[in-house]
Amino acid sequence: MVTLEQLAEAALNREGLLLRSLTQDLLRENPNLSECPKPQTNDSRILAAAASLVELLALRLRQTPPNWTKDIGALPEPVYLLKAAETMRRLRALCEVGAPEPLRKRGFYAPPNFLEFA
């Protein structure tokens, strides 16, 4: 069974292929995203990533995200979910301007179509 914590770790480690695969499995196993449990960790980076990702998926599937996501705040430093965004100025700018709102509000930056083809 795939967990949101696994998705968050893959995103933070910038393992795009693994993240897409885990996302497909999560969506298959959890058709109702509002019931996804909060990760059992005190790691603010994992919690923020998990909340951002489940909100992003819920938005795209026109579902309500889990209630616990409302309690998760933003990270103090920005996190680029694509390694190349750190060195490629135009990609970084695209991520900063076009990142989906559920990611951006917690300090995560990725292209507008991040995980659309999971």
C-alpha atoms as a PDB file:
ATOM      1  CA  MET A   1       0.000   0.000   0.000  1.00  0.00           C
ATOM      2  CA  VAL A   2       1.441   3.344  -1.088  1.00  0.00           C
ATOM      3  CA  THR A   3       1.491   6.170   1.443  1.00  0.00           C
ATOM      4  CA  LEU A   4       1.598   9.928   1.095  1.00  0.00           C
ATOM      5  CA  GLU A   5       4.858   9.841   3.014  1.00  0.00           C
ATOM      6  CA  GLN A   6       6.399   7.779   0.197  1.00  0.00           C
ATOM      7  CA  LEU A   7       5.182  10.317  -2.376  1.00  0.00           C
ATOM      8  CA  ALA A   8       6.562  13.178  -0.303  1.00  0.00           C
ATOM      9  CA  GLU A   9       9.961  11.508   0.049  1.00  0.00           C
ATOM     10  CA  ALA A  10      10.149  10.807  -3.690  1.00  0.00           C
ATOM     11  CA  ALA A  11       9.233  14.432  -4.462  1.00  0.00           C
ATOM     12  CA  LEU A  12      11.774  15.828  -2.006  1.00  0.00           C
ATOM     13  CA  ASN A  13      14.453  13.510  -3.395  1.00  0.00           C
ATOM     14  CA  ARG A  14      13.511  14.628  -6.922  1.00  0.00           C
ATOM     15  CA  GLU A  15      12.857  11.085  -8.057  1.00  0.00           C
ATOM     16  CA  GLY A  16      10.381  11.951 -10.799  1.00  0.00           C
ATOM     17  CA  LEU A  17       9.869   8.493 -12.241  1.00  0.00           C
ATOM     18  CA  LEU A  18       9.334   6.966  -8.805  1.00  0.00           C
ATOM     19  CA  LEU A  19       6.977   9.795  -7.855  1.00  0.00           C
ATOM     20  CA  ARG A  20       4.835   9.238 -10.960  1.00  0.00           C
ATOM     21  CA  SER A  21       4.702   5.498 -10.345  1.00  0.00           C
ATOM     22  CA  LEU A  22       3.789   5.930  -6.675  1.00  0.00           C
ATOM     23  CA  THR A  23       1.145   8.490  -7.619  1.00  0.00           C
ATOM     24  CA  GLN A  24      -0.492   6.054 -10.031  1.00  0.00           C
ATOM     25  CA  ASP A  25      -0.526   3.377  -7.327  1.00  0.00           C
ATOM     26  CA  LEU A  26      -1.870   5.768  -4.691  1.00  0.00           C
ATOM     27  CA  LEU A  27      -4.718   6.888  -6.933  1.00  0.00           C
ATOM     28  CA  ARG A  28      -5.595   3.307  -7.800  1.00  0.00           C
ATOM     29  CA  GLU A  29      -5.597   2.268  -4.133  1.00  0.00           C
ATOM     30  CA  ASN A  30      -7.310   5.419  -2.789  1.00  0.00           C
ATOM     31  CA  PRO A  31     -10.098   6.595  -5.097  1.00  0.00           C
ATOM     32  CA  ASN A  32     -11.330   8.993  -2.379  1.00  0.00           C
ATOM     33  CA  LEU A  33      -8.392  11.233  -1.519  1.00  0.00           C
ATOM     34  CA  SER A  34     -10.206  12.903   1.380  1.00  0.00           C
ATOM     35  CA  GLU A  35      -9.680   9.703   3.346  1.00  0.00           C
ATOM     36  CA  CYS A  36      -5.887   9.626   2.961  1.00  0.00           C
ATOM     37  CA  PRO A  37      -4.346   9.615   6.430  1.00  0.00           C
ATOM     38  CA  LYS A  38      -1.837  12.186   7.605  1.00  0.00           C
ATOM     39  CA  PRO A  39       1.747  10.885   7.540  1.00  0.00           C
ATOM     40  CA  GLN A  40       2.891   9.791  10.988  1.00  0.00           C
ATOM     41  CA  THR A  41       5.964  12.000  11.192  1.00  0.00           C
ATOM     42  CA  ASN A  42       7.075  15.256  12.752  1.00  0.00           C
ATOM     43  CA  ASP A  43       9.236  16.118   9.725  1.00  0.00           C
ATOM     44  CA  SER A  44       7.806  19.423   8.475  1.00  0.00           C
ATOM     45  CA  ARG A  45       9.226  18.885   4.976  1.00  0.00           C
ATOM     46  CA  ILE A  46       7.478  15.511   4.614  1.00  0.00           C
ATOM     47  CA  LEU A  47       4.214  16.893   5.994  1.00  0.00           C
ATOM     48  CA  ALA A  48       4.294  19.950   3.730  1.00  0.00           C
ATOM     49  CA  ALA A  49       5.124  17.874   0.657  1.00  0.00           C
ATOM     50  CA  ALA A  50       2.435  15.292   1.456  1.00  0.00           C
ATOM     51  CA  ALA A  51      -0.201  17.978   2.025  1.00  0.00           C
ATOM     52  CA  SER A  52       0.766  19.805  -1.164  1.00  0.00           C
ATOM     53  CA  LEU A  53       0.733  16.668  -3.288  1.00  0.00           C
ATOM     54  CA  VAL A  54      -2.587  15.328  -2.002  1.00  0.00           C
ATOM     55  CA  GLU A  55      -4.181  18.760  -2.449  1.00  0.00           C
ATOM     56  CA  LEU A  56      -2.809  18.952  -6.002  1.00  0.00           C
ATOM     57  CA  LEU A  57      -4.193  15.525  -6.870  1.00  0.00           C
ATOM     58  CA  ALA A  58      -7.532  16.282  -5.226  1.00  0.00           C
ATOM     59  CA  LEU A  59      -7.810  19.551  -7.162  1.00  0.00           C
ATOM     60  CA  ARG A  60      -7.151  17.827 -10.463  1.00  0.00           C
ATOM     61  CA  LEU A  61      -9.638  15.058  -9.674  1.00  0.00           C
ATOM     62  CA  ARG A  62     -12.230  17.556  -8.393  1.00  0.00           C
ATOM     63  CA  GLN A  63     -12.206  16.008  -4.945  1.00  0.00           C
ATOM     64  CA  THR A  64     -11.985  17.421  -1.452  1.00  0.00           C
ATOM     65  CA  PRO A  65      -8.529  17.070   0.106  1.00  0.00           C
ATOM     66  CA  PRO A  66      -8.166  15.515   3.563  1.00  0.00           C
ATOM     67  CA  ASN A  67      -9.027  17.879   6.438  1.00  0.00           C
ATOM     68  CA  TRP A  68      -5.594  17.540   8.030  1.00  0.00           C
ATOM     69  CA  THR A  69      -3.962  19.417   5.144  1.00  0.00           C
ATOM     70  CA  LYS A  70      -5.412  22.708   6.437  1.00  0.00           C
ATOM     71  CA  ASP A  71      -3.117  22.509   9.464  1.00  0.00           C
ATOM     72  CA  ILE A  72       0.108  22.162   7.472  1.00  0.00           C
ATOM     73  CA  GLY A  73       1.992  25.375   6.818  1.00  0.00           C
ATOM     74  CA  ALA A  74       4.612  26.501   4.353  1.00  0.00           C
ATOM     75  CA  LEU A  75       8.303  25.732   4.518  1.00  0.00           C
ATOM     76  CA  PRO A  76      10.692  28.572   5.389  1.00  0.00           C
ATOM     77  CA  GLU A  77      12.864  27.986   2.297  1.00  0.00           C
ATOM     78  CA  PRO A  78      11.698  27.302  -1.279  1.00  0.00           C
ATOM     79  CA  VAL A  79      12.026  23.757  -2.609  1.00  0.00           C
ATOM     80  CA  TYR A  80      12.342  23.130  -6.343  1.00  0.00           C
ATOM     81  CA  LEU A  81      10.933  19.727  -7.210  1.00  0.00           C
ATOM     82  CA  LEU A  82      13.013  19.590 -10.394  1.00  0.00           C
ATOM     83  CA  LYS A  83      16.755  19.603  -9.865  1.00  0.00           C
ATOM     84  CA  ALA A  84      17.315  21.426 -13.142  1.00  0.00           C
ATOM     85  CA  ALA A  85      15.313  24.409 -11.839  1.00  0.00           C
ATOM     86  CA  GLU A  86      18.180  25.274  -9.520  1.00  0.00           C
ATOM     87  CA  THR A  87      20.571  25.912 -12.403  1.00  0.00           C
ATOM     88  CA  MET A  88      18.324  26.749 -15.365  1.00  0.00           C
ATOM     89  CA  ARG A  89      17.123  30.323 -14.944  1.00  0.00           C
ATOM     90  CA  ARG A  90      14.131  30.083 -17.317  1.00  0.00           C
ATOM     91  CA  LEU A  91      12.909  26.811 -15.864  1.00  0.00           C
ATOM     92  CA  ARG A  92      13.240  28.238 -12.348  1.00  0.00           C
ATOM     93  CA  ALA A  93      11.207  31.288 -13.381  1.00  0.00           C
ATOM     94  CA  LEU A  94       8.537  29.072 -14.963  1.00  0.00           C
ATOM     95  CA  CYS A  95       8.332  27.040 -11.767  1.00  0.00           C
ATOM     96  CA  GLU A  96       8.079  30.127  -9.589  1.00  0.00           C
ATOM     97  CA  VAL A  97       5.344  31.720 -11.674  1.00  0.00           C
ATOM     98  CA  GLY A  98       3.468  28.651 -12.867  1.00  0.00           C
ATOM     99  CA  ALA A  99       3.665  26.172 -10.010  1.00  0.00           C
ATOM    100  CA  PRO A 100       0.230  24.801  -9.144  1.00  0.00           C
ATOM    101  CA  GLU A 101      -1.252  26.669  -6.186  1.00  0.00           C
ATOM    102  CA  PRO A 102      -1.297  23.683  -3.782  1.00  0.00           C
ATOM    103  CA  LEU A 103       2.473  23.403  -4.218  1.00  0.00           C
ATOM    104  CA  ARG A 104       3.317  27.090  -4.315  1.00  0.00           C
ATOM    105  CA  LYS A 105       1.426  27.982  -1.140  1.00  0.00           C
ATOM    106  CA  ARG A 106       3.747  25.738   0.875  1.00  0.00           C
ATOM    107  CA  GLY A 107       6.977  26.774  -0.847  1.00  0.00           C
ATOM    108  CA  PHE A 108       7.268  24.048  -3.493  1.00  0.00           C
ATOM    109  CA  TYR A 109       8.018  24.985  -7.078  1.00  0.00           C
ATOM    110  CA  ALA A 110       7.484  22.869 -10.177  1.00  0.00           C
ATOM    111  CA  PRO A 111       6.223  23.398 -13.729  1.00  0.00           C
ATOM    112  CA  PRO A 112       2.474  24.027 -14.189  1.00  0.00           C
ATOM    113  CA  ASN A 113       1.921  20.513 -15.535  1.00  0.00           C
ATOM    114  CA  PHE A 114       3.717  18.761 -12.643  1.00  0.00           C
ATOM    115  CA  LEU A 115       2.248  15.246 -12.171  1.00  0.00           C
ATOM    116  CA  GLU A 116      -0.448  15.736 -14.806  1.00  0.00           C
ATOM    117  CA  PHE A 117       0.717  12.616 -16.591  1.00  0.00           C
ATOM    118  CA  ALA A 118       1.170  10.408 -13.546  1.00  0.00           C
END
